[in-house]
């Protein structure tokens, strides 16, 4: 993994950072010497990640337990990250819930809850960190969307609607915040082999079909999202904003 000296001692915030892709991102920024705070609802996973990374980290990560559907709790967690590490200059909006659901089974409560996890917190986390980024002279925001809505995957319409919305949010916020030297981009992963995916949905046949569609015939791992995220958050991407980087092994 490349080393980005600019991340040493930088204040980084990752949402959904306790497991899966989020844990890989938390670890990736910690390895760069950043002061990383991560928000997650999963207490056991968050505590375990802190314990594991703290052994060798220059700065032990800070776990902030919060339910991102609770906007007051979200704002409190952002404030706690800034109090501990200084104004957040890198925000990674990673948290998501890719629940499968049939169209006929979705009621209003399910729809609202799904978007309250998969879309709404992305905006309000940006809103919460933006003043500190402006005061610090700029920053970088990386939102995680998904290739699922681009592939017409039909068994999670609320999720794919939210993930498409993240692209619109990314472009709108890039336009709004660019004058303050804040860049906003998105990453669209393919099918990443997280523990959740393997426990719930990965089958030998399904994985073989996906690998056959990929140009690179290897399973995508959580760590494969770290390099793209570091790049987009770094000064190497100084003139890159309002973009979606697809990291799917070459399906799209």
C-alpha atoms as a PDB file:
ATOM      1  CA  UNK A   1       0.000   0.000   0.000  1.00  0.00           C
ATOM      2  CA  UNK A   2       1.423   3.452  -0.876  1.00  0.00           C
ATOM      3  CA  UNK A   3       2.315   5.808   1.958  1.00  0.00           C
ATOM      4  CA  UNK A   4       0.723   9.255   1.973  1.00  0.00           C
ATOM      5  CA  UNK A   5       2.702  11.441   4.347  1.00  0.00           C
ATOM      6  CA  UNK A   6      -0.111  14.005   4.409  1.00  0.00           C
ATOM      7  CA  UNK A   7      -2.299  11.626   6.432  1.00  0.00           C
ATOM      8  CA  UNK A   8       0.137  11.496   9.339  1.00  0.00           C
ATOM      9  CA  UNK A   9      -1.693  13.038  12.313  1.00  0.00           C
ATOM     10  CA  UNK A  10      -4.655  13.978  10.077  1.00  0.00           C
ATOM     11  CA  UNK A  11      -8.128  13.855  11.608  1.00  0.00           C
ATOM     12  CA  UNK A  12     -10.099  11.155   9.755  1.00  0.00           C
ATOM     13  CA  UNK A  13     -13.674  10.033  10.378  1.00  0.00           C
ATOM     14  CA  UNK A  14     -15.127   6.776   9.019  1.00  0.00           C
ATOM     15  CA  UNK A  15     -18.797   5.845   9.370  1.00  0.00           C
ATOM     16  CA  UNK A  16     -19.625   2.168   9.680  1.00  0.00           C
ATOM     17  CA  UNK A  17     -15.985   1.583  10.465  1.00  0.00           C
ATOM     18  CA  UNK A  18     -16.153  -1.483  12.723  1.00  0.00           C
ATOM     19  CA  UNK A  19     -16.553  -4.293  10.209  1.00  0.00           C
ATOM     20  CA  UNK A  20     -16.380  -5.213   6.543  1.00  0.00           C
ATOM     21  CA  UNK A  21     -15.188  -2.514   4.165  1.00  0.00           C
ATOM     22  CA  UNK A  22     -15.355   0.040   6.966  1.00  0.00           C
ATOM     23  CA  UNK A  23     -12.927  -1.872   9.159  1.00  0.00           C
ATOM     24  CA  UNK A  24     -10.486  -2.153   6.257  1.00  0.00           C
ATOM     25  CA  UNK A  25     -10.746   1.599   5.707  1.00  0.00           C
ATOM     26  CA  UNK A  26     -10.237   2.331   9.400  1.00  0.00           C
ATOM     27  CA  UNK A  27      -7.169   0.099   9.415  1.00  0.00           C
ATOM     28  CA  UNK A  28      -5.873   1.638   6.205  1.00  0.00           C
ATOM     29  CA  UNK A  29      -5.929   5.184   7.551  1.00  0.00           C
ATOM     30  CA  UNK A  30      -4.531   4.083  10.931  1.00  0.00           C
ATOM     31  CA  UNK A  31      -1.612   2.493   9.063  1.00  0.00           C
ATOM     32  CA  UNK A  32      -0.946   5.891   7.451  1.00  0.00           C
ATOM     33  CA  UNK A  33      -0.461   7.428  10.900  1.00  0.00           C
ATOM     34  CA  UNK A  34      -3.802   9.237  10.888  1.00  0.00           C
ATOM     35  CA  UNK A  35      -5.878  10.002  13.952  1.00  0.00           C
ATOM     36  CA  UNK A  36      -8.918   7.940  13.052  1.00  0.00           C
ATOM     37  CA  UNK A  37     -12.333   8.028  14.664  1.00  0.00           C
ATOM     38  CA  UNK A  38     -14.978   5.617  13.476  1.00  0.00           C
ATOM     39  CA  UNK A  39     -18.690   5.511  14.131  1.00  0.00           C
ATOM     40  CA  UNK A  40     -20.593   2.251  14.357  1.00  0.00           C
ATOM     41  CA  UNK A  41     -23.539   0.737  16.176  1.00  0.00           C
ATOM     42  CA  UNK A  42     -21.802  -2.614  16.776  1.00  0.00           C
ATOM     43  CA  UNK A  43     -20.162  -2.444  20.200  1.00  0.00           C
ATOM     44  CA  UNK A  44     -18.371  -5.787  20.171  1.00  0.00           C
ATOM     45  CA  UNK A  45     -16.918  -5.347  16.691  1.00  0.00           C
ATOM     46  CA  UNK A  46     -15.841  -1.783  17.455  1.00  0.00           C
ATOM     47  CA  UNK A  47     -14.108  -2.740  20.685  1.00  0.00           C
ATOM     48  CA  UNK A  48     -12.376  -5.685  19.006  1.00  0.00           C
ATOM     49  CA  UNK A  49     -11.086  -3.522  16.159  1.00  0.00           C
ATOM     50  CA  UNK A  50      -9.690  -0.926  18.568  1.00  0.00           C
ATOM     51  CA  UNK A  51      -7.971  -3.649  20.580  1.00  0.00           C
ATOM     52  CA  UNK A  52      -6.425  -5.195  17.470  1.00  0.00           C
ATOM     53  CA  UNK A  53      -5.259  -1.969  15.826  1.00  0.00           C
ATOM     54  CA  UNK A  54      -4.016  -0.320  19.009  1.00  0.00           C
ATOM     55  CA  UNK A  55      -1.197  -2.828  19.404  1.00  0.00           C
ATOM     56  CA  UNK A  56       0.881  -1.372  16.563  1.00  0.00           C
ATOM     57  CA  UNK A  57      -0.780   1.957  15.786  1.00  0.00           C
ATOM     58  CA  UNK A  58       0.929   5.319  16.117  1.00  0.00           C
ATOM     59  CA  UNK A  59      -2.519   6.628  17.088  1.00  0.00           C
ATOM     60  CA  UNK A  60      -5.059   4.189  18.488  1.00  0.00           C
ATOM     61  CA  UNK A  61      -8.404   4.549  16.702  1.00  0.00           C
ATOM     62  CA  UNK A  62     -11.311   6.098  18.557  1.00  0.00           C
ATOM     63  CA  UNK A  63     -14.553   4.101  18.508  1.00  0.00           C
ATOM     64  CA  UNK A  64     -17.683   6.217  18.778  1.00  0.00           C
ATOM     65  CA  UNK A  65     -20.803   4.116  19.246  1.00  0.00           C
ATOM     66  CA  UNK A  66     -23.858   5.710  17.643  1.00  0.00           C
ATOM     67  CA  UNK A  67     -26.921   4.778  15.652  1.00  0.00           C
ATOM     68  CA  UNK A  68     -26.689   6.901  12.488  1.00  0.00           C
ATOM     69  CA  UNK A  69     -30.483   7.025  12.286  1.00  0.00           C
ATOM     70  CA  UNK A  70     -30.363   9.209  15.405  1.00  0.00           C
ATOM     71  CA  UNK A  71     -29.168  12.533  14.042  1.00  0.00           C
ATOM     72  CA  UNK A  72     -28.435  13.986  17.475  1.00  0.00           C
ATOM     73  CA  UNK A  73     -26.240  10.971  18.241  1.00  0.00           C
ATOM     74  CA  UNK A  74     -24.556  11.343  14.868  1.00  0.00           C
ATOM     75  CA  UNK A  75     -23.814  15.023  15.453  1.00  0.00           C
ATOM     76  CA  UNK A  76     -22.535  14.207  18.931  1.00  0.00           C
ATOM     77  CA  UNK A  77     -20.169  11.588  17.526  1.00  0.00           C
ATOM     78  CA  UNK A  78     -18.813  14.014  14.928  1.00  0.00           C
ATOM     79  CA  UNK A  79     -18.237  16.593  17.653  1.00  0.00           C
ATOM     80  CA  UNK A  80     -16.463  13.998  19.810  1.00  0.00           C
ATOM     81  CA  UNK A  81     -14.171  13.087  16.912  1.00  0.00           C
ATOM     82  CA  UNK A  82     -13.266  16.751  16.412  1.00  0.00           C
ATOM     83  CA  UNK A  83     -12.724  17.280  20.131  1.00  0.00           C
ATOM     84  CA  UNK A  84     -10.351  14.323  20.260  1.00  0.00           C
ATOM     85  CA  UNK A  85      -8.436  14.813  17.021  1.00  0.00           C
ATOM     86  CA  UNK A  86      -9.123  18.317  15.744  1.00  0.00           C
ATOM     87  CA  UNK A  87     -11.431  19.296  12.873  1.00  0.00           C
ATOM     88  CA  UNK A  88     -12.152  16.360  10.575  1.00  0.00           C
ATOM     89  CA  UNK A  89     -10.356  16.883   7.261  1.00  0.00           C
ATOM     90  CA  UNK A  90     -11.120  13.463   5.756  1.00  0.00           C
ATOM     91  CA  UNK A  91     -14.617  12.021   5.964  1.00  0.00           C
ATOM     92  CA  UNK A  92     -15.426   8.555   4.655  1.00  0.00           C
ATOM     93  CA  UNK A  93     -19.170   7.933   4.487  1.00  0.00           C
ATOM     94  CA  UNK A  94     -19.139   4.147   4.385  1.00  0.00           C
ATOM     95  CA  UNK A  95     -22.010   2.958   6.592  1.00  0.00           C
ATOM     96  CA  UNK A  96     -24.722   0.971   4.824  1.00  0.00           C
ATOM     97  CA  UNK A  97     -27.232  -1.843   5.241  1.00  0.00           C
ATOM     98  CA  UNK A  98     -27.665  -3.922   2.088  1.00  0.00           C
ATOM     99  CA  UNK A  99     -30.745  -5.847   3.155  1.00  0.00           C
ATOM    100  CA  UNK A 100     -32.568  -7.820   0.459  1.00  0.00           C
ATOM    101  CA  UNK A 101     -36.297  -7.203   0.186  1.00  0.00           C
ATOM    102  CA  UNK A 102     -39.211  -8.057  -2.076  1.00  0.00           C
ATOM    103  CA  UNK A 103     -41.166  -5.166  -3.576  1.00  0.00           C
ATOM    104  CA  UNK A 104     -44.463  -6.445  -2.201  1.00  0.00           C
ATOM    105  CA  UNK A 105     -43.050  -6.705   1.325  1.00  0.00           C
ATOM    106  CA  UNK A 106     -41.863  -3.088   1.605  1.00  0.00           C
ATOM    107  CA  UNK A 107     -44.053  -0.815   3.701  1.00  0.00           C
ATOM    108  CA  UNK A 108     -43.532   2.851   4.568  1.00  0.00           C
ATOM    109  CA  UNK A 109     -41.699   2.085   7.800  1.00  0.00           C
ATOM    110  CA  UNK A 110     -39.256  -0.267   6.071  1.00  0.00           C
ATOM    111  CA  UNK A 111     -38.609   2.224   3.262  1.00  0.00           C
ATOM    112  CA  UNK A 112     -37.978   5.103   5.664  1.00  0.00           C
ATOM    113  CA  UNK A 113     -35.716   2.999   7.881  1.00  0.00           C
ATOM    114  CA  UNK A 114     -33.695   1.798   4.892  1.00  0.00           C
ATOM    115  CA  UNK A 115     -33.036   5.308   3.614  1.00  0.00           C
ATOM    116  CA  UNK A 116     -32.413   6.515   7.171  1.00  0.00           C
ATOM    117  CA  UNK A 117     -29.413   4.170   7.172  1.00  0.00           C
ATOM    118  CA  UNK A 118     -28.282   4.222   3.551  1.00  0.00           C
ATOM    119  CA  UNK A 119     -28.739   7.846   2.439  1.00  0.00           C
ATOM    120  CA  UNK A 120     -29.773  10.349   5.087  1.00  0.00           C
ATOM    121  CA  UNK A 121     -26.679  10.046   7.338  1.00  0.00           C
ATOM    122  CA  UNK A 122     -24.362  10.710   4.416  1.00  0.00           C
ATOM    123  CA  UNK A 123     -25.767  14.222   4.038  1.00  0.00           C
ATOM    124  CA  UNK A 124     -25.959  15.025   7.730  1.00  0.00           C
ATOM    125  CA  UNK A 125     -22.424  13.797   8.404  1.00  0.00           C
ATOM    126  CA  UNK A 126     -21.171  16.060   5.627  1.00  0.00           C
ATOM    127  CA  UNK A 127     -23.205  18.913   7.100  1.00  0.00           C
ATOM    128  CA  UNK A 128     -21.636  18.283  10.512  1.00  0.00           C
ATOM    129  CA  UNK A 129     -18.002  18.183   9.346  1.00  0.00           C
ATOM    130  CA  UNK A 130     -18.173  20.936   6.715  1.00  0.00           C
ATOM    131  CA  UNK A 131     -17.651  23.935   9.058  1.00  0.00           C
ATOM    132  CA  UNK A 132     -14.530  22.377  10.563  1.00  0.00           C
ATOM    133  CA  UNK A 133     -13.178  21.495   7.123  1.00  0.00           C
ATOM    134  CA  UNK A 134     -13.734  25.057   5.944  1.00  0.00           C
ATOM    135  CA  UNK A 135     -11.954  26.432   9.010  1.00  0.00           C
ATOM    136  CA  UNK A 136      -9.069  24.029   8.426  1.00  0.00           C
ATOM    137  CA  UNK A 137      -8.664  25.263   4.855  1.00  0.00           C
ATOM    138  CA  UNK A 138     -10.261  22.328   3.083  1.00  0.00           C
ATOM    139  CA  UNK A 139     -10.715  18.593   3.132  1.00  0.00           C
ATOM    140  CA  UNK A 140     -11.851  15.514   1.286  1.00  0.00           C
ATOM    141  CA  UNK A 141     -15.070  13.534   1.493  1.00  0.00           C
ATOM    142  CA  UNK A 142     -15.419  10.026   0.068  1.00  0.00           C
ATOM    143  CA  UNK A 143     -18.932   8.590  -0.107  1.00  0.00           C
ATOM    144  CA  UNK A 144     -19.516   4.897  -0.702  1.00  0.00           C
ATOM    145  CA  UNK A 145     -22.180   4.081  -3.257  1.00  0.00           C
ATOM    146  CA  UNK A 146     -22.541   0.723  -5.048  1.00  0.00           C
ATOM    147  CA  UNK A 147     -22.547  -0.796  -8.500  1.00  0.00           C
ATOM    148  CA  UNK A 148     -25.789  -2.601  -7.605  1.00  0.00           C
ATOM    149  CA  UNK A 149     -28.017   0.152  -8.970  1.00  0.00           C
ATOM    150  CA  UNK A 150     -25.970   0.293 -12.192  1.00  0.00           C
ATOM    151  CA  UNK A 151     -26.425  -3.443 -12.759  1.00  0.00           C
ATOM    152  CA  UNK A 152     -30.227  -3.392 -12.431  1.00  0.00           C
ATOM    153  CA  UNK A 153     -30.095  -5.718  -9.426  1.00  0.00           C
ATOM    154  CA  UNK A 154     -33.737  -6.044  -8.435  1.00  0.00           C
ATOM    155  CA  UNK A 155     -33.851  -7.664  -5.017  1.00  0.00           C
ATOM    156  CA  UNK A 156     -33.090  -4.559  -2.929  1.00  0.00           C
ATOM    157  CA  UNK A 157     -34.863  -1.559  -4.496  1.00  0.00           C
ATOM    158  CA  UNK A 158     -34.772   0.679  -1.406  1.00  0.00           C
ATOM    159  CA  UNK A 159     -31.039   0.088  -1.089  1.00  0.00           C
ATOM    160  CA  UNK A 160     -30.319   0.708  -4.764  1.00  0.00           C
ATOM    161  CA  UNK A 161     -32.445   3.874  -4.704  1.00  0.00           C
ATOM    162  CA  UNK A 162     -30.350   5.132  -1.799  1.00  0.00           C
ATOM    163  CA  UNK A 163     -27.086   4.216  -3.489  1.00  0.00           C
ATOM    164  CA  UNK A 164     -28.113   6.061  -6.639  1.00  0.00           C
ATOM    165  CA  UNK A 165     -29.031   9.012  -4.446  1.00  0.00           C
ATOM    166  CA  UNK A 166     -25.521   9.043  -3.017  1.00  0.00           C
ATOM    167  CA  UNK A 167     -24.189   9.839  -6.490  1.00  0.00           C
ATOM    168  CA  UNK A 168     -26.510  12.832  -6.746  1.00  0.00           C
ATOM    169  CA  UNK A 169     -25.523  13.923  -3.245  1.00  0.00           C
ATOM    170  CA  UNK A 170     -21.846  13.582  -4.124  1.00  0.00           C
ATOM    171  CA  UNK A 171     -22.155  15.781  -7.183  1.00  0.00           C
ATOM    172  CA  UNK A 172     -24.320  18.372  -5.465  1.00  0.00           C
ATOM    173  CA  UNK A 173     -22.047  18.692  -2.453  1.00  0.00           C
ATOM    174  CA  UNK A 174     -18.951  18.816  -4.674  1.00  0.00           C
ATOM    175  CA  UNK A 175     -20.466  21.790  -6.422  1.00  0.00           C
ATOM    176  CA  UNK A 176     -21.418  23.474  -3.163  1.00  0.00           C
ATOM    177  CA  UNK A 177     -18.201  22.877  -1.211  1.00  0.00           C
ATOM    178  CA  UNK A 178     -15.586  23.175  -3.932  1.00  0.00           C
ATOM    179  CA  UNK A 179     -15.117  26.894  -3.320  1.00  0.00           C
ATOM    180  CA  UNK A 180     -14.036  26.009   0.219  1.00  0.00           C
ATOM    181  CA  UNK A 181     -11.372  23.600  -1.077  1.00  0.00           C
ATOM    182  CA  UNK A 182     -13.450  20.586  -0.090  1.00  0.00           C
ATOM    183  CA  UNK A 183     -13.544  17.775  -2.622  1.00  0.00           C
ATOM    184  CA  UNK A 184     -16.393  15.244  -2.678  1.00  0.00           C
ATOM    185  CA  UNK A 185     -16.128  11.962  -4.546  1.00  0.00           C
ATOM    186  CA  UNK A 186     -17.647   8.501  -4.390  1.00  0.00           C
ATOM    187  CA  UNK A 187     -16.484   4.912  -4.699  1.00  0.00           C
ATOM    188  CA  UNK A 188     -18.767   2.258  -6.179  1.00  0.00           C
ATOM    189  CA  UNK A 189     -17.576  -1.188  -5.082  1.00  0.00           C
ATOM    190  CA  UNK A 190     -18.522  -4.385  -6.810  1.00  0.00           C
ATOM    191  CA  UNK A 191     -19.341  -7.518  -4.827  1.00  0.00           C
ATOM    192  CA  UNK A 192     -16.883  -7.327  -1.929  1.00  0.00           C
ATOM    193  CA  UNK A 193     -16.342 -10.505   0.049  1.00  0.00           C
ATOM    194  CA  UNK A 194     -17.060  -9.217   3.541  1.00  0.00           C
ATOM    195  CA  UNK A 195     -18.006 -11.588   6.341  1.00  0.00           C
ATOM    196  CA  UNK A 196     -21.615 -10.383   6.065  1.00  0.00           C
ATOM    197  CA  UNK A 197     -21.764 -11.201   2.371  1.00  0.00           C
ATOM    198  CA  UNK A 198     -20.205 -14.623   2.868  1.00  0.00           C
ATOM    199  CA  UNK A 199     -22.470 -15.443   5.805  1.00  0.00           C
ATOM    200  CA  UNK A 200     -25.697 -14.379   4.106  1.00  0.00           C
ATOM    201  CA  UNK A 201     -25.484 -14.414   0.332  1.00  0.00           C
ATOM    202  CA  UNK A 202     -22.325 -15.794  -1.224  1.00  0.00           C
ATOM    203  CA  UNK A 203     -22.730 -19.194  -2.859  1.00  0.00           C
ATOM    204  CA  UNK A 204     -20.187 -21.104  -4.886  1.00  0.00           C
ATOM    205  CA  UNK A 205     -22.335 -20.785  -7.991  1.00  0.00           C
ATOM    206  CA  UNK A 206     -23.120 -17.106  -7.463  1.00  0.00           C
ATOM    207  CA  UNK A 207     -19.506 -16.179  -6.874  1.00  0.00           C
ATOM    208  CA  UNK A 208     -18.387 -18.137  -9.948  1.00  0.00           C
ATOM    209  CA  UNK A 209     -20.926 -16.270 -12.080  1.00  0.00           C
ATOM    210  CA  UNK A 210     -19.735 -12.905 -10.761  1.00  0.00           C
ATOM    211  CA  UNK A 211     -16.064 -13.743 -11.249  1.00  0.00           C
ATOM    212  CA  UNK A 212     -16.786 -14.789 -14.821  1.00  0.00           C
ATOM    213  CA  UNK A 213     -18.311 -11.349 -15.459  1.00  0.00           C
ATOM    214  CA  UNK A 214     -15.345  -9.531 -13.939  1.00  0.00           C
ATOM    215  CA  UNK A 215     -12.363  -8.685 -16.121  1.00  0.00           C
ATOM    216  CA  UNK A 216     -10.136  -9.576 -13.158  1.00  0.00           C
ATOM    217  CA  UNK A 217     -11.213 -13.066 -12.148  1.00  0.00           C
ATOM    218  CA  UNK A 218     -10.483 -12.794  -8.445  1.00  0.00           C
ATOM    219  CA  UNK A 219     -12.832 -12.158  -5.509  1.00  0.00           C
ATOM    220  CA  UNK A 220     -12.876  -8.519  -4.389  1.00  0.00           C
ATOM    221  CA  UNK A 221     -11.705  -8.149  -0.792  1.00  0.00           C
ATOM    222  CA  UNK A 222     -12.438  -5.303   1.670  1.00  0.00           C
ATOM    223  CA  UNK A 223      -8.792  -4.211   1.538  1.00  0.00           C
ATOM    224  CA  UNK A 224      -9.194  -3.597  -2.206  1.00  0.00           C
ATOM    225  CA  UNK A 225     -11.256  -0.507  -1.364  1.00  0.00           C
ATOM    226  CA  UNK A 226      -8.505   1.058   0.750  1.00  0.00           C
ATOM    227  CA  UNK A 227      -6.208   2.177  -2.076  1.00  0.00           C
ATOM    228  CA  UNK A 228      -8.955   3.924  -4.059  1.00  0.00           C
ATOM    229  CA  UNK A 229     -10.157   5.672  -0.888  1.00  0.00           C
ATOM    230  CA  UNK A 230      -6.676   6.827   0.120  1.00  0.00           C
ATOM    231  CA  UNK A 231      -6.115   8.189  -3.379  1.00  0.00           C
ATOM    232  CA  UNK A 232      -9.374  10.139  -3.515  1.00  0.00           C
ATOM    233  CA  UNK A 233      -8.758  11.558  -0.034  1.00  0.00           C
ATOM    234  CA  UNK A 234      -5.193  12.587  -0.861  1.00  0.00           C
ATOM    235  CA  UNK A 235      -3.628  15.585  -2.571  1.00  0.00           C
ATOM    236  CA  UNK A 236      -2.796  13.254  -5.466  1.00  0.00           C
ATOM    237  CA  UNK A 237      -6.460  13.742  -6.404  1.00  0.00           C
ATOM    238  CA  UNK A 238      -6.308  17.526  -5.914  1.00  0.00           C
ATOM    239  CA  UNK A 239      -8.371  18.303  -9.015  1.00  0.00           C
ATOM    240  CA  UNK A 240     -10.665  15.273  -8.766  1.00  0.00           C
ATOM    241  CA  UNK A 241     -14.122  16.036  -7.428  1.00  0.00           C
ATOM    242  CA  UNK A 242     -17.753  15.124  -8.199  1.00  0.00           C
ATOM    243  CA  UNK A 243     -16.562  11.770  -9.564  1.00  0.00           C
ATOM    244  CA  UNK A 244     -17.530   8.142  -9.028  1.00  0.00           C
ATOM    245  CA  UNK A 245     -14.663   5.642  -9.012  1.00  0.00           C
ATOM    246  CA  UNK A 246     -15.934   2.161  -9.876  1.00  0.00           C
ATOM    247  CA  UNK A 247     -13.951  -0.607  -8.181  1.00  0.00           C
ATOM    248  CA  UNK A 248     -15.669  -3.782  -9.363  1.00  0.00           C
ATOM    249  CA  UNK A 249     -12.967  -5.834 -11.047  1.00  0.00           C
ATOM    250  CA  UNK A 250     -14.072  -4.665 -14.463  1.00  0.00           C
ATOM    251  CA  UNK A 251     -17.745  -5.581 -14.800  1.00  0.00           C
ATOM    252  CA  UNK A 252     -18.753  -2.039 -15.763  1.00  0.00           C
END
